[in-house]
Amino acid sequence: MAMTQESGSGKTVGKIDSTATEWPLTFVRHNFGATSYSTYGCKVVYNGFLHLSDDEDVLQISSASAHPDALKKLSAGYLSVRNFPGPAKVTWRSADGAAHQAEVDIGEIFKDQKVLHNVPKEDVLGDLGNPDILLEVNDRTINVYMRAFVPTRELQIPGNKYSRFRDDLILAWSKTY
């Protein structure tokens, strides 16, 4: 159920959650996770917390060498972040040893606070949780994805009673350095 917060003046100041009755689907909190491929010493700091801290002298495996479903199965471990703290600060060396640093403004990427998903309005059934925002550093490229657990009216895998949802990984932003 969607709720709003009331200020002392009785004005609505913000949603607490998102539901299927509101369209487009929006969010006010999110979960965050980070991973790296083909980098040395990758560090990601978001909302004052270190989310990734790879060894400076070890080249992380390439995305081509990782399990084919590794990125699809990545989830966010940092839960219920209020939209939006400052940018994610990323430092790393690419596979060729070149040093990089970047600030990835998650708030700017998702400034409309819309949930990215592939479910038609008429197929959405029920409330949504907080979407995952996932930051991937892959050699010289940073990608930001969203994955939202969207409950559906129909089974997504015929015969599997536990498949009444979609949680597609959707690319929201990408930049090569």
Protein backbone atom coordinates (compact mmCIF):
# COMPACT_ATOMS: atom_id res chain seq x y z
CA MET A 1 0.00 0.00 0.00
CA ALA A 2 1.35 3.41 -0.90
CA MET A 3 1.65 5.89 1.91
CA THR A 4 2.60 9.51 2.11
CA GLN A 5 4.17 11.47 4.88
CA GLU A 6 2.47 14.63 6.12
CA SER A 7 4.35 17.70 7.24
CA GLY A 8 3.15 19.81 10.15
CA SER A 9 1.23 21.92 7.62
CA GLY A 10 -0.69 18.88 6.36
CA LYS A 11 1.12 18.93 2.99
CA THR A 12 2.41 15.73 1.46
CA VAL A 13 6.20 15.68 1.58
CA GLY A 14 7.02 12.33 0.01
CA LYS A 15 6.04 8.76 -0.66
CA ILE A 16 7.20 5.94 1.54
CA ASP A 17 6.89 3.19 -1.09
CA SER A 18 5.73 2.40 -4.60
CA THR A 19 2.79 0.26 -5.62
CA ALA A 20 1.29 -1.11 -8.79
CA THR A 21 -1.66 1.27 -8.45
CA GLU A 22 0.60 4.21 -9.29
CA TRP A 23 1.88 4.59 -12.84
CA PRO A 24 4.59 5.04 -13.80
CA LEU A 25 6.17 3.03 -11.01
CA THR A 26 8.47 5.18 -8.91
CA PHE A 27 10.75 4.66 -5.92
CA VAL A 28 11.99 6.73 -2.96
CA ARG A 29 14.51 4.21 -1.62
CA HIS A 30 16.86 1.84 -3.37
CA ASN A 31 19.38 -0.90 -2.67
CA PHE A 32 22.97 -0.59 -3.93
CA GLY A 33 25.68 -3.00 -5.04
CA ALA A 34 28.96 -2.85 -6.98
CA THR A 35 31.22 -5.25 -8.84
CA SER A 36 34.32 -5.07 -11.04
CA TYR A 37 35.88 -6.91 -13.95
CA SER A 38 39.33 -6.48 -15.56
CA THR A 39 40.44 -3.89 -13.00
CA TYR A 40 43.11 -3.45 -10.36
CA GLY A 41 42.36 -1.96 -6.94
CA CYS A 42 38.78 -0.92 -7.74
CA LYS A 43 37.12 0.96 -4.89
CA VAL A 44 33.53 2.18 -4.80
CA VAL A 45 32.30 4.51 -2.04
CA TYR A 46 28.59 5.37 -1.94
CA ASN A 47 26.68 7.12 0.82
CA GLY A 48 29.82 7.17 2.95
CA PHE A 49 30.33 3.38 2.79
CA LEU A 50 33.00 1.37 1.02
CA HIS A 51 31.12 -1.10 -1.19
CA LEU A 52 34.01 -2.54 -3.14
CA SER A 53 37.71 -2.68 -2.31
CA ASP A 54 39.69 -4.94 -4.64
CA ASP A 55 43.35 -5.81 -4.16
CA GLU A 56 45.69 -3.25 -5.77
CA ASP A 57 47.97 -5.91 -7.28
CA VAL A 58 45.43 -8.46 -8.56
CA LEU A 59 43.72 -8.12 -11.92
CA GLN A 60 40.05 -9.03 -11.45
CA ILE A 61 38.68 -11.63 -13.85
CA SER A 62 37.24 -10.42 -17.12
CA SER A 63 33.50 -10.39 -17.62
CA ALA A 64 34.06 -12.87 -20.49
CA SER A 65 35.74 -15.28 -18.03
CA ALA A 66 33.02 -14.93 -15.38
CA HIS A 67 29.99 -17.20 -15.32
CA PRO A 68 27.60 -16.11 -18.11
CA ASP A 69 24.92 -15.31 -15.53
CA ALA A 70 27.23 -13.53 -13.05
CA LEU A 71 25.98 -10.03 -13.83
CA LYS A 72 22.36 -11.17 -14.17
CA LYS A 73 22.55 -12.70 -10.70
CA LEU A 74 24.30 -9.75 -9.05
CA SER A 75 22.24 -8.23 -6.28
CA ALA A 76 22.58 -5.24 -4.01
CA GLY A 77 23.76 -5.85 -0.47
CA TYR A 78 23.38 -2.30 0.83
CA LEU A 79 19.67 -1.93 1.55
CA SER A 80 17.09 0.84 1.78
CA VAL A 81 19.12 3.90 0.79
CA ARG A 82 17.00 7.06 0.74
CA ASN A 83 17.06 8.74 -2.71
CA PHE A 84 19.68 10.20 -3.23
CA PRO A 85 22.95 10.64 -1.33
CA GLY A 86 25.92 12.16 -3.15
CA PRO A 87 27.58 10.52 -6.13
CA ALA A 88 29.33 7.15 -6.02
CA LYS A 89 33.11 7.72 -5.96
CA VAL A 90 35.03 5.19 -8.00
CA THR A 91 38.80 4.74 -8.27
CA TRP A 92 40.50 1.96 -10.20
CA ARG A 93 43.17 0.98 -12.68
CA SER A 94 42.05 -0.52 -15.98
CA ALA A 95 43.56 -3.77 -17.27
CA ASP A 96 46.34 -1.81 -19.01
CA GLY A 97 47.33 -0.24 -15.64
CA ALA A 98 45.99 3.28 -16.35
CA ALA A 99 44.60 5.02 -13.25
CA HIS A 100 41.02 6.32 -13.30
CA GLN A 101 38.64 8.08 -10.97
CA ALA A 102 35.02 9.02 -11.46
CA GLU A 103 32.00 10.34 -9.62
CA VAL A 104 28.83 8.62 -10.77
CA ASP A 105 25.80 10.71 -9.89
CA ILE A 106 23.14 8.08 -9.20
CA GLY A 107 20.63 10.86 -8.37
CA GLU A 108 21.10 12.41 -11.81
CA ILE A 109 20.82 9.05 -13.59
CA PHE A 110 17.52 8.32 -11.82
CA LYS A 111 16.32 11.92 -11.33
CA ASP A 112 12.76 11.00 -12.38
CA GLN A 113 12.78 8.19 -9.76
CA LYS A 114 11.03 5.86 -12.23
CA VAL A 115 11.49 2.13 -11.79
CA LEU A 116 13.06 0.59 -14.90
CA HIS A 117 11.28 -2.64 -15.82
CA ASN A 118 9.82 -4.58 -18.76
CA VAL A 119 6.35 -5.35 -17.41
CA PRO A 120 3.27 -3.81 -19.06
CA LYS A 121 1.00 -1.92 -16.67
CA GLU A 122 -1.85 -4.40 -17.05
CA ASP A 123 0.45 -7.29 -16.03
CA VAL A 124 1.75 -5.73 -12.78
CA LEU A 125 0.13 -7.17 -9.68
CA GLY A 126 1.01 -6.03 -6.17
CA ASP A 127 3.49 -3.86 -4.35
CA LEU A 128 7.11 -3.36 -5.27
CA GLY A 129 10.09 -3.42 -2.99
CA ASN A 130 13.08 -1.15 -3.34
CA PRO A 131 14.84 -1.62 -6.68
CA ASP A 132 18.51 -2.61 -6.84
CA ILE A 133 20.91 -0.10 -8.39
CA LEU A 134 24.05 -1.93 -9.46
CA LEU A 135 27.32 -0.29 -10.48
CA GLU A 136 29.72 -2.33 -12.61
CA VAL A 137 33.29 -1.27 -13.40
CA ASN A 138 34.49 -3.25 -16.42
CA ASP A 139 38.04 -2.30 -17.48
CA ARG A 140 37.53 1.31 -18.68
CA THR A 141 33.71 1.34 -18.60
CA ILE A 142 31.29 2.02 -15.76
CA ASN A 143 27.75 0.70 -16.21
CA VAL A 144 24.82 1.41 -13.92
CA TYR A 145 21.89 -1.01 -13.97
CA MET A 146 18.54 -1.30 -12.24
CA ARG A 147 16.83 -4.52 -11.23
CA ALA A 148 13.33 -4.30 -9.77
CA PHE A 149 11.30 -7.20 -8.44
CA VAL A 150 7.97 -6.65 -10.22
CA PRO A 151 5.13 -9.04 -9.29
CA THR A 152 3.09 -10.22 -12.27
CA ARG A 153 -0.40 -11.59 -12.86
CA GLU A 154 0.89 -14.49 -14.95
CA LEU A 155 3.56 -17.10 -14.35
CA GLN A 156 6.78 -16.21 -16.14
CA ILE A 157 7.85 -19.87 -16.33
CA PRO A 158 4.89 -22.13 -17.22
CA GLY A 159 4.26 -24.66 -14.46
CA ASN A 160 6.49 -22.89 -11.90
CA LYS A 161 4.17 -21.47 -9.24
CA TYR A 162 7.08 -19.39 -7.88
CA SER A 163 7.61 -17.46 -11.12
CA ARG A 164 4.97 -14.76 -10.76
CA PHE A 165 7.48 -11.92 -11.08
CA ARG A 166 10.06 -10.29 -13.36
CA ASP A 167 13.41 -8.98 -12.19
CA ASP A 168 15.12 -7.95 -15.41
CA LEU A 169 18.53 -6.29 -15.28
CA ILE A 170 18.25 -3.04 -17.27
CA LEU A 171 21.15 -0.83 -18.28
CA ALA A 172 20.43 2.76 -17.20
CA TRP A 173 23.77 4.50 -17.87
CA SER A 174 27.20 3.75 -19.29
CA LYS A 175 30.43 5.70 -19.74
CA THR A 176 33.87 4.66 -20.99
CA TYR A 177 36.93 6.41 -19.57
